[in-house]
C-alpha atoms as a PDB file:
ATOM      1  CA  MET A   1       0.000   0.000   0.000  1.00  0.00           C
ATOM      2  CA  ALA A   2       1.504   3.300  -1.086  1.00  0.00           C
ATOM      3  CA  ILE A   3       1.575   6.341   1.121  1.00  0.00           C
ATOM      4  CA  VAL A   4       0.188   9.458  -0.527  1.00  0.00           C
ATOM      5  CA  PHE A   5       2.201  12.635  -0.068  1.00  0.00           C
ATOM      6  CA  ASP A   6       0.806  15.956  -1.293  1.00  0.00           C
ATOM      7  CA  SER A   7       4.035  17.723  -2.224  1.00  0.00           C
ATOM      8  CA  LEU A   8       2.165  20.682  -3.725  1.00  0.00           C
ATOM      9  CA  GLY A   9       0.175  21.200  -0.505  1.00  0.00           C
ATOM     10  CA  TYR A  10       3.344  20.792   1.537  1.00  0.00           C
ATOM     11  CA  SER A  11       5.128  23.364  -0.600  1.00  0.00           C
ATOM     12  CA  ARG A  12       2.210  25.807  -0.291  1.00  0.00           C
ATOM     13  CA  LYS A  13       2.206  25.398   3.486  1.00  0.00           C
ATOM     14  CA  LEU A  14       5.919  26.222   3.616  1.00  0.00           C
ATOM     15  CA  ARG A  15       5.447  29.273   1.377  1.00  0.00           C
ATOM     16  CA  ASP A  16       2.529  30.453   3.502  1.00  0.00           C
ATOM     17  CA  ALA A  17       4.803  30.189   6.541  1.00  0.00           C
ATOM     18  CA  GLY A  18       7.273  32.575   4.915  1.00  0.00           C
ATOM     19  CA  LEU A  19       9.736  30.361   3.046  1.00  0.00           C
ATOM     20  CA  GLU A  20      10.836  31.483  -0.397  1.00  0.00           C
ATOM     21  CA  PRO A  21       8.936  29.561  -3.111  1.00  0.00           C
ATOM     22  CA  GLN A  22      12.095  27.973  -4.531  1.00  0.00           C
ATOM     23  CA  ILE A  23      13.162  26.682  -1.116  1.00  0.00           C
ATOM     24  CA  ALA A  24       9.650  25.467  -0.298  1.00  0.00           C
ATOM     25  CA  GLU A  25       9.474  23.512  -3.581  1.00  0.00           C
ATOM     26  CA  ALA A  26      12.955  22.028  -3.051  1.00  0.00           C
ATOM     27  CA  ALA A  27      11.998  20.954   0.479  1.00  0.00           C
ATOM     28  CA  ALA A  28       8.791  19.325  -0.786  1.00  0.00           C
ATOM     29  CA  ASP A  29      10.667  17.498  -3.552  1.00  0.00           C
ATOM     30  CA  ALA A  30      13.332  16.320  -1.120  1.00  0.00           C
ATOM     31  CA  ALA A  31      10.685  15.064   1.312  1.00  0.00           C
ATOM     32  CA  ARG A  32       8.915  13.148  -1.463  1.00  0.00           C
ATOM     33  CA  GLU A  33      12.104  11.651  -2.920  1.00  0.00           C
ATOM     34  CA  HIS A  34      13.961  10.776   0.262  1.00  0.00           C
ATOM     35  CA  ILE A  35      11.751  10.721   3.338  1.00  0.00           C
ATOM     36  CA  MET A  36       8.519   9.260   1.982  1.00  0.00           C
ATOM     37  CA  LEU A  37      10.334   6.254   0.493  1.00  0.00           C
ATOM     38  CA  GLU A  38      11.343   5.136   3.984  1.00  0.00           C
ATOM     39  CA  LEU A  39       7.853   5.211   5.523  1.00  0.00           C
ATOM     40  CA  VAL A  40       5.477   2.283   5.820  1.00  0.00           C
ATOM     41  CA  SER A  41       1.727   2.321   6.113  1.00  0.00           C
ATOM     42  CA  LYS A  42      -0.214   0.834   9.014  1.00  0.00           C
ATOM     43  CA  ALA A  43      -1.395  -1.947   6.706  1.00  0.00           C
ATOM     44  CA  ASP A  44       2.211  -2.788   5.721  1.00  0.00           C
ATOM     45  CA  LEU A  45       3.262  -2.867   9.357  1.00  0.00           C
ATOM     46  CA  GLN A  46       0.307  -5.047  10.341  1.00  0.00           C
ATOM     47  CA  LEU A  47       1.092  -7.496   7.525  1.00  0.00           C
ATOM     48  CA  ALA A  48       4.718  -7.713   8.661  1.00  0.00           C
ATOM     49  CA  LEU A  49       3.667  -8.329  12.266  1.00  0.00           C
ATOM     50  CA  ASP A  50       1.157 -10.982  11.200  1.00  0.00           C
ATOM     51  CA  ASN A  51       3.847 -12.754   9.167  1.00  0.00           C
ATOM     52  CA  LEU A  52       6.250 -12.594  12.098  1.00  0.00           C
ATOM     53  CA  ALA A  53       3.639 -14.024  14.467  1.00  0.00           C
ATOM     54  CA  LEU A  54       2.961 -16.895  12.059  1.00  0.00           C
ATOM     55  CA  ARG A  55       6.664 -17.660  11.700  1.00  0.00           C
ATOM     56  CA  LEU A  56       7.129 -17.666  15.481  1.00  0.00           C
ATOM     57  CA  THR A  57       4.121 -19.959  15.947  1.00  0.00           C
ATOM     58  CA  VAL A  58       5.440 -22.435  13.392  1.00  0.00           C
ATOM     59  CA  ARG A  59       8.951 -22.300  14.870  1.00  0.00           C
ATOM     60  CA  ASN A  60       7.618 -22.915  18.389  1.00  0.00           C
ATOM     61  CA  GLY A  61       5.500 -25.811  17.127  1.00  0.00           C
ATOM     62  CA  ILE A  62       8.492 -27.412  15.444  1.00  0.00           C
ATOM     63  CA  MET A  63      10.635 -27.004  18.572  1.00  0.00           C
ATOM     64  CA  PHE A  64       7.863 -28.495  20.727  1.00  0.00           C
ATOM     65  CA  ALA A  65       7.482 -31.485  18.395  1.00  0.00           C
ATOM     66  CA  ALA A  66      11.244 -32.039  18.303  1.00  0.00           C
ATOM     67  CA  GLY A  67      11.502 -31.825  22.088  1.00  0.00           C
ATOM     68  CA  LEU A  68       8.593 -34.214  22.559  1.00  0.00           C
ATOM     69  CA  SER A  69      10.119 -36.687  20.096  1.00  0.00           C
ATOM     70  CA  LEU A  70      13.439 -36.529  21.912  1.00  0.00           C
ATOM     71  CA  ALA A  71      11.755 -37.050  25.287  1.00  0.00           C
ATOM     72  CA  VAL A  72       9.836 -40.085  23.978  1.00  0.00           C
ATOM     73  CA  ALA A  73      13.021 -41.524  22.461  1.00  0.00           C
ATOM     74  CA  ILE A  74      14.930 -41.098  25.719  1.00  0.00           C
ATOM     75  CA  LEU A  75      12.066 -42.574  27.736  1.00  0.00           C
ATOM     76  CA  GLY A  76      11.855 -45.524  25.349  1.00  0.00           C
ATOM     77  CA  ALA A  77      15.603 -46.120  25.611  1.00  0.00           C
ATOM     78  CA  LEU A  78      15.456 -45.973  29.411  1.00  0.00           C
ATOM     79  CA  ILE A  79      12.596 -48.487  29.521  1.00  0.00           C
ATOM     80  CA  ARG A  80      14.307 -50.824  27.060  1.00  0.00           C
ATOM     81  CA  PHE A  81      17.697 -50.770  28.795  1.00  0.00           C
ATOM     82  CA  HIS A  82      16.351 -50.935  32.309  1.00  0.00           C
END
Protein backbone atom coordinates (compact mmCIF):
# COMPACT_ATOMS: atom_id res chain seq x y z
CA MET A 1 0.00 0.00 0.00
CA ALA A 2 1.50 3.30 -1.09
CA ILE A 3 1.58 6.34 1.12
CA VAL A 4 0.19 9.46 -0.53
CA PHE A 5 2.20 12.64 -0.07
CA ASP A 6 0.81 15.96 -1.29
CA SER A 7 4.03 17.72 -2.22
CA LEU A 8 2.16 20.68 -3.72
CA GLY A 9 0.17 21.20 -0.51
CA TYR A 10 3.34 20.79 1.54
CA SER A 11 5.13 23.36 -0.60
CA ARG A 12 2.21 25.81 -0.29
CA LYS A 13 2.21 25.40 3.49
CA LEU A 14 5.92 26.22 3.62
CA ARG A 15 5.45 29.27 1.38
CA ASP A 16 2.53 30.45 3.50
CA ALA A 17 4.80 30.19 6.54
CA GLY A 18 7.27 32.58 4.92
CA LEU A 19 9.74 30.36 3.05
CA GLU A 20 10.84 31.48 -0.40
CA PRO A 21 8.94 29.56 -3.11
CA GLN A 22 12.09 27.97 -4.53
CA ILE A 23 13.16 26.68 -1.12
CA ALA A 24 9.65 25.47 -0.30
CA GLU A 25 9.47 23.51 -3.58
CA ALA A 26 12.96 22.03 -3.05
CA ALA A 27 12.00 20.95 0.48
CA ALA A 28 8.79 19.33 -0.79
CA ASP A 29 10.67 17.50 -3.55
CA ALA A 30 13.33 16.32 -1.12
CA ALA A 31 10.68 15.06 1.31
CA ARG A 32 8.91 13.15 -1.46
CA GLU A 33 12.10 11.65 -2.92
CA HIS A 34 13.96 10.78 0.26
CA ILE A 35 11.75 10.72 3.34
CA MET A 36 8.52 9.26 1.98
CA LEU A 37 10.33 6.25 0.49
CA GLU A 38 11.34 5.14 3.98
CA LEU A 39 7.85 5.21 5.52
CA VAL A 40 5.48 2.28 5.82
CA SER A 41 1.73 2.32 6.11
CA LYS A 42 -0.21 0.83 9.01
CA ALA A 43 -1.40 -1.95 6.71
CA ASP A 44 2.21 -2.79 5.72
CA LEU A 45 3.26 -2.87 9.36
CA GLN A 46 0.31 -5.05 10.34
CA LEU A 47 1.09 -7.50 7.53
CA ALA A 48 4.72 -7.71 8.66
CA LEU A 49 3.67 -8.33 12.27
CA ASP A 50 1.16 -10.98 11.20
CA ASN A 51 3.85 -12.75 9.17
CA LEU A 52 6.25 -12.59 12.10
CA ALA A 53 3.64 -14.02 14.47
CA LEU A 54 2.96 -16.89 12.06
CA ARG A 55 6.66 -17.66 11.70
CA LEU A 56 7.13 -17.67 15.48
CA THR A 57 4.12 -19.96 15.95
CA VAL A 58 5.44 -22.44 13.39
CA ARG A 59 8.95 -22.30 14.87
CA ASN A 60 7.62 -22.91 18.39
CA GLY A 61 5.50 -25.81 17.13
CA ILE A 62 8.49 -27.41 15.44
CA MET A 63 10.64 -27.00 18.57
CA PHE A 64 7.86 -28.50 20.73
CA ALA A 65 7.48 -31.48 18.40
CA ALA A 66 11.24 -32.04 18.30
CA GLY A 67 11.50 -31.83 22.09
CA LEU A 68 8.59 -34.21 22.56
CA SER A 69 10.12 -36.69 20.10
CA LEU A 70 13.44 -36.53 21.91
CA ALA A 71 11.76 -37.05 25.29
CA VAL A 72 9.84 -40.09 23.98
CA ALA A 73 13.02 -41.52 22.46
CA ILE A 74 14.93 -41.10 25.72
CA LEU A 75 12.07 -42.57 27.74
CA GLY A 76 11.85 -45.52 25.35
CA ALA A 77 15.60 -46.12 25.61
CA LEU A 78 15.46 -45.97 29.41
CA ILE A 79 12.60 -48.49 29.52
CA ARG A 80 14.31 -50.82 27.06
CA PHE A 81 17.70 -50.77 28.79
CA HIS A 82 16.35 -50.93 32.31
